[in-house]
Amino acid sequence: MPRILYLVPNLSDPAVSRRVAMFRLGGAEVDIAGFRRADAPPADLPLANVVELDITHDGRMLQRLFATLRAGGTAKGWGKGFARPDVIVARNLEMLAVASRLLPIWPDAPALVYECLDIHRLMLRQDGVGGAMRAVERRLMRQADLLITSSPAFITNHFEGQSPPPLALVENKVFAPDLVETGRNPVLAGKAQPIQIGWFGALRCSRSLAALQGLAAAFDGRIEVTLRGRPALTEFSDFHGTVATAPHLNFGGAYNYPGDLAGIYSAIHFVWAIDLFEEGQNSTWLLPNRLYEGCLNGAIPIALQDTEMAAYIERLGIGVIVPDIERQTLVELFSGMTPERLRTLADAVAQLDQRLFRCIEAECRQLVNQLVRAPVVRPALEAAE
């Protein structure tokens, strides 16, 4: 059985738990080491060997940098507690730096995989800081045997200019091997009014909140908006106050993944798949969880023109693409949204193969095989000495 050592920046991140489960379903033994966010409980992972390297603070990049340096500097000590892995998977750049210090522990170095599912805004700055960050990434990737990312746009807009190792695209599909039933668009059960729009997941785009608030107010009860997930409160002037006072806007709090997905998506007609948090960069390029969750459960995606999300749904022949999220644009869109049009859009999503949006066991096995068969080509790198 292949062995994977997974290095992660946040042991309590639910996405980390899902990836661990994917590795295990794919036939791998998994050990894990990483940091824990100060506001998160200790990791609850079904693994025998979980090593917490340090506690870090969200948004405090300098503190995280020093934690990374300490973890790398002591790697030869804590790393000896692990049996030699066949492959080390480093989830994001800071963990790739730590991984580079682990490799010399074993005479026969394992393969190294860089997993990068978002491009941080620091990487894209057009100044000395951004240039230095990209140089560090290029240098560290010289030791990587494989790069995993989640959107084709990350490759074309960033990694192709970074001299990457061989690439593997692993989409943010819903991972729910025990899920028996999926959701269904309410219009297919005859419920066309009021139109329900859902914005779920990581809520961090203040412009989206303002757009949805204005749209709901303009239709005065004929459109209702439900928000579910975890809002990034630092990105809003007063998230909870705005939602509490806005008519026809409702915040339902966090939800359980994957158990709640069918229920919350079956209650909406449209999923808001627009994010302007890092417009023109990461938010334009990503394919977020809500896109796959919504389509799997029958929701019609709304995407912004000239984004990877728009290109994705256009290829599938589903959804609605808007040129902008100005109030008049959205009002015009939904003024023409008849029950017949709504059913046509919902039918198009419902008829697609669910495997487009859901990760199955065969994909997990394929992923693990790809990881452990990555050719180990190890150029010299001073930081690993």
Protein backbone atom coordinates (compact mmCIF):
# COMPACT_ATOMS: atom_id res chain seq x y z
CA MET A 1 0.00 0.00 0.00
CA PRO A 2 1.53 3.36 -0.99
CA ARG A 3 2.26 5.82 1.80
CA ILE A 4 1.58 9.56 1.53
CA LEU A 5 2.88 12.22 3.90
CA TYR A 6 0.54 15.19 3.63
CA LEU A 7 1.84 18.61 4.72
CA VAL A 8 -0.91 21.17 5.24
CA PRO A 9 -1.21 24.81 6.38
CA ASN A 10 -4.37 24.18 8.42
CA LEU A 11 -5.00 20.78 9.97
CA SER A 12 -8.59 21.70 10.84
CA ASP A 13 -9.58 22.76 7.32
CA PRO A 14 -12.51 20.56 6.15
CA ALA A 15 -10.96 20.51 2.67
CA VAL A 16 -7.90 18.81 4.18
CA SER A 17 -10.12 16.13 5.72
CA ARG A 18 -11.73 15.52 2.35
CA ARG A 19 -8.38 15.21 0.58
CA VAL A 20 -7.15 12.77 3.23
CA ALA A 21 -10.30 10.70 2.69
CA MET A 22 -9.69 10.76 -1.07
CA PHE A 23 -6.14 9.50 -0.61
CA ARG A 24 -7.35 6.69 1.66
CA LEU A 25 -10.19 5.69 -0.65
CA GLY A 26 -7.61 5.65 -3.43
CA GLY A 27 -5.68 2.98 -1.56
CA ALA A 28 -3.01 4.98 0.29
CA GLU A 29 -1.84 5.07 3.89
CA VAL A 30 -1.71 8.69 5.04
CA ASP A 31 0.33 10.52 7.66
CA ILE A 32 -0.13 14.25 8.13
CA ALA A 33 1.74 17.20 9.58
CA GLY A 34 0.86 20.85 9.54
CA PHE A 35 -0.13 24.01 11.31
CA ARG A 36 -3.33 24.76 13.20
CA ARG A 37 -5.13 28.07 13.10
CA ALA A 38 -5.38 29.76 16.49
CA ASP A 39 -9.19 29.88 16.32
CA ALA A 40 -9.59 26.23 15.32
CA PRO A 41 -9.89 23.16 17.56
CA PRO A 42 -7.30 20.39 17.37
CA ALA A 43 -7.62 18.36 14.21
CA ASP A 44 -10.01 15.41 14.32
CA LEU A 45 -8.56 13.19 11.61
CA PRO A 46 -8.89 9.39 11.41
CA LEU A 47 -5.14 8.90 11.18
CA ALA A 48 -2.63 7.27 13.50
CA ASN A 49 0.10 9.86 12.93
CA VAL A 50 -0.95 13.53 13.09
CA VAL A 51 1.78 16.06 13.95
CA GLU A 52 0.89 19.66 14.81
CA LEU A 53 3.90 21.80 13.91
CA ASP A 54 2.75 25.16 15.26
CA ILE A 55 -0.21 27.46 15.73
CA THR A 56 -0.69 30.20 13.12
CA HIS A 57 -3.01 33.17 12.72
CA ASP A 58 -5.17 33.84 9.69
CA GLY A 59 -4.13 37.00 7.85
CA ARG A 60 -0.83 37.42 9.75
CA MET A 61 1.61 36.60 6.97
CA LEU A 62 4.76 37.50 8.88
CA GLN A 63 3.83 35.23 11.78
CA ARG A 64 3.09 32.41 9.34
CA LEU A 65 6.45 33.00 7.64
CA PHE A 66 8.33 32.58 10.92
CA ALA A 67 6.28 29.47 11.76
CA THR A 68 7.22 28.03 8.37
CA LEU A 69 10.91 28.79 8.94
CA ARG A 70 10.80 27.10 12.36
CA ALA A 71 9.06 24.03 10.97
CA GLY A 72 11.59 23.78 8.17
CA GLY A 73 14.50 24.29 10.53
CA THR A 74 13.37 21.47 12.82
CA ALA A 75 12.21 19.14 10.03
CA LYS A 76 14.99 16.62 10.57
CA GLY A 77 13.77 16.15 14.13
CA TRP A 78 10.01 15.78 13.73
CA GLY A 79 10.30 14.18 10.30
CA LYS A 80 12.06 11.13 11.72
CA GLY A 81 8.81 10.24 13.45
CA PHE A 82 7.36 9.25 10.09
CA ALA A 83 8.07 6.11 8.14
CA ARG A 84 9.54 6.92 4.74
CA PRO A 85 6.65 7.94 2.47
CA ASP A 86 6.43 7.11 -1.20
CA VAL A 87 5.35 10.69 -1.83
CA ILE A 88 5.12 13.96 0.07
CA VAL A 89 2.19 16.16 -0.91
CA ALA A 90 2.69 19.80 0.09
CA ARG A 91 -0.51 21.81 0.19
CA ASN A 92 0.48 25.37 -0.83
CA LEU A 93 3.76 27.22 -1.04
CA GLU A 94 4.68 27.42 2.62
CA MET A 95 4.36 23.65 2.98
CA LEU A 96 6.41 23.14 -0.18
CA ALA A 97 9.18 25.06 1.57
CA VAL A 98 8.88 22.77 4.59
CA ALA A 99 8.85 19.69 2.35
CA SER A 100 12.12 20.74 0.73
CA ARG A 101 13.79 20.43 4.15
CA LEU A 102 12.31 16.97 4.73
CA LEU A 103 13.62 15.32 1.58
CA PRO A 104 17.24 14.80 2.78
CA ILE A 105 16.03 12.74 5.77
CA TRP A 106 15.70 9.63 3.62
CA PRO A 107 18.62 8.39 1.47
CA ASP A 108 16.09 7.39 -1.17
CA ALA A 109 14.08 10.60 -1.32
CA PRO A 110 10.32 10.28 -1.91
CA ALA A 111 8.52 11.98 -4.76
CA LEU A 112 7.36 15.53 -4.02
CA VAL A 113 4.00 16.90 -5.15
CA TYR A 114 3.03 20.57 -4.93
CA GLU A 115 -0.72 21.07 -4.40
CA CYS A 116 -1.81 24.64 -5.17
CA LEU A 117 -5.56 25.23 -5.38
CA ASP A 118 -5.55 29.04 -5.11
CA ILE A 119 -3.12 31.70 -6.25
CA HIS A 120 -2.57 34.08 -3.34
CA ARG A 121 -2.74 37.78 -4.16
CA LEU A 122 0.85 38.26 -2.93
CA MET A 123 2.02 35.99 -5.74
CA LEU A 124 0.47 38.28 -8.33
CA ARG A 125 1.64 41.68 -7.14
CA GLN A 126 3.54 43.57 -9.79
CA ASP A 127 6.22 44.86 -7.44
CA GLY A 128 9.28 43.58 -5.64
CA VAL A 129 7.22 41.54 -3.17
CA GLY A 130 5.32 39.74 -5.92
CA GLY A 131 8.47 39.18 -7.94
CA ALA A 132 10.24 37.73 -4.92
CA MET A 133 7.32 35.41 -4.14
CA ARG A 134 7.23 34.10 -7.70
CA ALA A 135 10.99 33.57 -7.63
CA VAL A 136 10.66 31.53 -4.42
CA GLU A 137 7.91 29.44 -5.99
CA ARG A 138 9.97 28.79 -9.14
CA ARG A 139 12.95 27.79 -7.05
CA LEU A 140 11.01 25.43 -4.81
CA MET A 141 9.17 23.86 -7.74
CA ARG A 142 12.51 22.72 -9.13
CA GLN A 143 12.33 19.89 -6.61
CA ALA A 144 8.67 19.04 -7.25
CA ASP A 145 7.84 16.07 -9.45
CA LEU A 146 4.19 16.95 -9.97
CA LEU A 147 1.90 19.97 -9.55
CA ILE A 148 -1.77 19.57 -8.63
CA THR A 149 -4.14 22.46 -9.29
CA SER A 150 -7.90 22.79 -9.58
CA SER A 151 -8.59 25.05 -12.57
CA PRO A 152 -7.20 25.25 -16.12
CA ALA A 153 -7.04 29.04 -15.75
CA PHE A 154 -4.48 28.74 -12.93
CA ILE A 155 -2.25 26.92 -15.39
CA THR A 156 -2.60 29.33 -18.31
CA ASN A 157 -2.54 32.54 -16.26
CA HIS A 158 0.10 31.70 -13.67
CA PHE A 159 1.89 28.39 -13.75
CA GLU A 160 2.87 28.35 -17.42
CA GLY A 161 5.14 31.31 -16.64
CA GLN A 162 6.62 29.62 -13.58
CA SER A 163 8.44 26.66 -15.19
CA PRO A 164 6.26 24.09 -13.41
CA PRO A 165 6.77 20.34 -13.16
CA PRO A 166 4.25 18.05 -14.90
CA LEU A 167 0.69 19.13 -14.12
CA ALA A 168 -2.40 17.31 -12.86
CA LEU A 169 -5.84 18.91 -12.81
CA VAL A 170 -7.94 17.81 -9.82
CA GLU A 171 -11.25 19.65 -9.83
CA ASN A 172 -13.14 20.68 -6.67
CA LYS A 173 -15.78 18.04 -7.23
CA VAL A 174 -18.07 16.98 -4.41
CA PHE A 175 -16.46 14.16 -2.45
CA ALA A 176 -19.23 12.16 -0.83
CA PRO A 177 -18.75 8.40 -1.39
CA ASP A 178 -21.63 7.48 0.93
CA LEU A 179 -24.10 9.96 -0.53
CA VAL A 180 -27.21 8.11 -1.73
CA GLU A 181 -29.45 10.90 -3.02
CA THR A 182 -28.75 14.29 -4.56
CA GLY A 183 -30.94 17.37 -4.69
CA ARG A 184 -33.36 18.53 -7.36
CA ASN A 185 -34.26 21.98 -8.59
CA PRO A 186 -37.60 23.02 -7.02
CA VAL A 187 -38.99 24.21 -10.37
CA LEU A 188 -38.99 20.58 -11.52
CA ALA A 189 -41.46 19.90 -8.70
CA GLY A 190 -43.62 22.82 -9.85
CA LYS A 191 -42.23 25.45 -7.45
CA ALA A 192 -41.32 28.40 -9.67
CA GLN A 193 -42.20 31.34 -7.42
CA PRO A 194 -40.71 33.11 -5.64
CA ILE A 195 -37.37 32.66 -7.39
CA GLN A 196 -34.78 31.45 -4.90
CA ILE A 197 -31.07 32.33 -5.25
CA GLY A 198 -28.43 30.75 -3.02
CA TRP A 199 -24.96 32.05 -2.24
CA PHE A 200 -23.18 29.32 -0.31
CA GLY A 201 -19.68 28.49 0.92
CA ALA A 202 -16.89 30.99 1.58
CA LEU A 203 -18.69 34.36 1.63
CA ARG A 204 -16.04 37.01 1.07
CA CYS A 205 -17.25 39.25 -1.78
CA SER A 206 -18.83 42.50 -0.57
CA ARG A 207 -19.88 43.41 -4.11
CA SER A 208 -21.84 40.18 -4.42
CA LEU A 209 -23.64 40.90 -1.16
CA ALA A 210 -24.57 44.40 -2.37
CA ALA A 211 -25.73 43.07 -5.75
CA LEU A 212 -27.93 40.37 -4.22
CA GLN A 213 -29.32 42.80 -1.68
CA GLY A 214 -30.28 45.24 -4.44
CA LEU A 215 -31.79 42.50 -6.60
CA ALA A 216 -33.95 41.13 -3.80
CA ALA A 217 -35.14 44.64 -2.89
CA ALA A 218 -36.02 45.45 -6.52
CA PHE A 219 -38.35 42.44 -6.80
CA ASP A 220 -39.96 42.94 -3.39
CA GLY A 221 -40.62 39.31 -2.52
CA ARG A 222 -40.64 37.79 -6.00
CA ILE A 223 -36.95 36.95 -5.49
CA GLU A 224 -35.49 35.67 -2.23
CA VAL A 225 -31.80 35.20 -1.48
CA THR A 226 -30.39 32.69 0.99
CA LEU A 227 -26.80 32.85 2.25
CA ARG A 228 -25.17 29.82 3.87
CA GLY A 229 -21.57 29.22 4.93
CA ARG A 230 -18.86 31.16 6.70
CA PRO A 231 -18.61 34.89 5.99
CA ALA A 232 -15.19 36.54 6.01
CA LEU A 233 -16.31 39.34 8.33
CA THR A 234 -13.22 41.44 7.66
CA GLU A 235 -14.35 41.84 4.04
CA PHE A 236 -17.70 43.45 4.93
CA SER A 237 -18.48 46.67 6.75
CA ASP A 238 -21.29 44.94 8.69
CA PHE A 239 -22.26 41.56 7.26
CA HIS A 240 -24.75 40.51 9.92
CA GLY A 241 -26.30 43.97 10.20
CA THR A 242 -26.77 44.20 6.43
CA VAL A 243 -28.42 40.79 6.18
CA ALA A 244 -30.62 41.35 9.22
CA THR A 245 -32.09 44.60 7.84
CA ALA A 246 -32.24 43.74 4.12
CA PRO A 247 -35.65 42.57 2.89
CA HIS A 248 -35.83 39.08 1.39
CA LEU A 249 -32.23 38.28 2.35
CA ASN A 250 -31.61 35.45 4.81
CA PHE A 251 -28.42 34.09 6.37
CA GLY A 252 -28.79 30.48 7.50
CA GLY A 253 -25.33 30.02 8.98
CA ALA A 254 -22.83 27.25 8.32
CA TYR A 255 -23.80 23.88 6.88
CA ASN A 256 -22.50 20.34 7.11
CA TYR A 257 -20.61 18.87 4.17
CA PRO A 258 -21.80 16.72 2.49
CA GLY A 259 -24.88 15.86 4.53
CA ASP A 260 -26.67 19.20 4.11
CA LEU A 261 -25.89 19.75 0.44
CA ALA A 262 -28.97 18.11 -1.06
CA GLY A 263 -31.29 19.96 1.31
CA ILE A 264 -29.90 23.45 0.93
CA TYR A 265 -29.46 23.29 -2.84
CA SER A 266 -32.91 21.72 -3.39
CA ALA A 267 -34.38 24.85 -1.83
CA ILE A 268 -32.92 27.19 -4.49
CA HIS A 269 -33.35 27.66 -8.22
CA PHE A 270 -30.03 29.44 -8.86
CA VAL A 271 -26.57 29.19 -7.30
CA TRP A 272 -24.59 32.45 -7.27
CA ALA A 273 -21.21 31.36 -8.69
CA ILE A 274 -19.73 34.86 -8.81
CA ASP A 275 -16.81 36.05 -6.68
CA LEU A 276 -15.14 39.44 -7.15
CA PHE A 277 -12.98 39.21 -4.04
CA GLU A 278 -9.82 39.09 -6.15
CA GLU A 279 -11.24 40.29 -9.44
CA GLY A 280 -9.00 39.77 -12.46
CA GLN A 281 -6.86 37.26 -10.58
CA ASN A 282 -7.74 34.30 -8.38
CA SER A 283 -11.49 34.97 -8.38
CA THR A 284 -11.54 35.16 -12.17
CA TRP A 285 -9.62 31.90 -12.58
CA LEU A 286 -11.02 29.57 -9.94
CA LEU A 287 -13.68 26.86 -10.20
CA PRO A 288 -15.15 26.94 -6.68
CA ASN A 289 -16.84 24.24 -4.62
CA ARG A 290 -20.24 25.95 -4.92
CA LEU A 291 -20.21 25.45 -8.69
CA TYR A 292 -19.89 21.66 -8.38
CA GLU A 293 -22.16 21.42 -5.33
CA GLY A 294 -24.88 23.42 -7.02
CA CYS A 295 -24.82 21.58 -10.35
CA LEU A 296 -24.73 18.17 -8.64
CA ASN A 297 -27.91 19.10 -6.80
CA GLY A 298 -29.75 20.69 -9.71
CA ALA A 299 -29.16 24.39 -9.10
CA ILE A 300 -28.71 26.66 -12.13
CA PRO A 301 -25.32 28.45 -11.94
CA ILE A 302 -25.01 32.20 -12.46
CA ALA A 303 -21.49 33.15 -13.61
CA LEU A 304 -19.74 36.33 -14.64
CA GLN A 305 -18.61 36.78 -18.23
CA ASP A 306 -14.87 36.35 -18.99
CA THR A 307 -14.22 34.08 -16.01
CA GLU A 308 -13.25 30.41 -15.89
CA MET A 309 -16.62 29.70 -14.25
CA ALA A 310 -18.40 31.17 -17.27
CA ALA A 311 -16.22 29.17 -19.66
CA TYR A 312 -16.96 26.00 -17.70
CA ILE A 313 -20.75 26.29 -17.76
CA GLU A 314 -20.68 27.47 -21.38
CA ARG A 315 -18.85 24.28 -22.36
CA LEU A 316 -21.57 22.27 -20.66
CA GLY A 317 -24.39 24.31 -22.18
CA ILE A 318 -25.95 25.24 -18.84
CA GLY A 319 -26.52 28.21 -16.60
CA VAL A 320 -26.69 31.96 -17.02
CA ILE A 321 -23.77 34.26 -17.81
CA VAL A 322 -24.00 37.98 -17.01
CA PRO A 323 -21.70 40.74 -18.29
CA ASP A 324 -21.64 42.45 -14.89
CA ILE A 325 -23.56 42.49 -11.61
CA GLU A 326 -25.00 45.98 -11.85
CA ARG A 327 -28.53 46.26 -10.53
CA GLN A 328 -30.07 46.99 -13.94
CA THR A 329 -28.35 43.97 -15.53
CA LEU A 330 -29.69 41.61 -12.90
CA VAL A 331 -33.15 43.15 -12.92
CA GLU A 332 -33.38 42.71 -16.70
CA LEU A 333 -32.24 39.09 -16.42
CA PHE A 334 -34.83 38.11 -13.86
CA SER A 335 -37.63 40.23 -15.33
CA GLY A 336 -37.56 37.82 -18.25
CA MET A 337 -37.27 34.68 -16.13
CA THR A 338 -40.57 32.97 -16.86
CA PRO A 339 -41.47 29.60 -15.29
CA GLU A 340 -40.92 28.01 -18.72
CA ARG A 341 -37.44 29.52 -19.02
CA LEU A 342 -36.65 28.43 -15.47
CA ARG A 343 -37.68 24.83 -16.20
CA THR A 344 -35.61 24.76 -19.40
CA LEU A 345 -32.51 25.91 -17.51
CA ALA A 346 -33.10 23.43 -14.69
CA ASP A 347 -33.66 20.56 -17.13
CA ALA A 348 -30.32 21.25 -18.81
CA VAL A 349 -28.49 20.84 -15.48
CA ALA A 350 -30.49 17.80 -14.40
CA GLN A 351 -29.71 15.89 -17.61
CA LEU A 352 -25.93 16.06 -17.19
CA ASP A 353 -23.88 13.12 -15.94
CA GLN A 354 -23.37 13.57 -12.19
CA ARG A 355 -19.79 12.36 -12.52
CA LEU A 356 -18.97 15.80 -13.93
CA PHE A 357 -19.56 17.21 -10.46
CA ARG A 358 -18.95 14.29 -8.11
CA CYS A 359 -15.67 12.55 -7.33
CA ILE A 360 -15.96 8.77 -7.48
CA GLU A 361 -13.68 6.04 -6.12
CA ALA A 362 -12.05 5.41 -9.50
CA GLU A 363 -10.85 9.03 -9.57
CA CYS A 364 -9.36 8.65 -6.09
CA ARG A 365 -7.42 5.58 -7.20
CA GLN A 366 -6.29 7.36 -10.33
CA LEU A 367 -5.07 10.30 -8.24
CA VAL A 368 -3.07 8.12 -5.84
CA ASN A 369 -1.54 6.19 -8.74
CA GLN A 370 -0.53 9.45 -10.38
CA LEU A 371 1.08 10.66 -7.17
CA VAL A 372 3.14 7.59 -6.44
CA ARG A 373 4.22 7.13 -10.06
CA ALA A 374 5.50 10.69 -10.39
CA PRO A 375 9.06 10.41 -11.76
CA VAL A 376 11.56 11.54 -9.15
CA VAL A 377 13.94 14.02 -10.76
CA ARG A 378 15.82 15.76 -8.00
CA PRO A 379 17.99 18.75 -9.05
CA ALA A 380 20.30 20.23 -6.48
CA LEU A 381 18.75 22.88 -4.27
CA GLU A 382 20.67 24.70 -1.61
CA ALA A 383 17.70 25.07 0.74
CA ALA A 384 17.43 21.31 1.03
CA GLU A 385 20.97 20.86 2.20
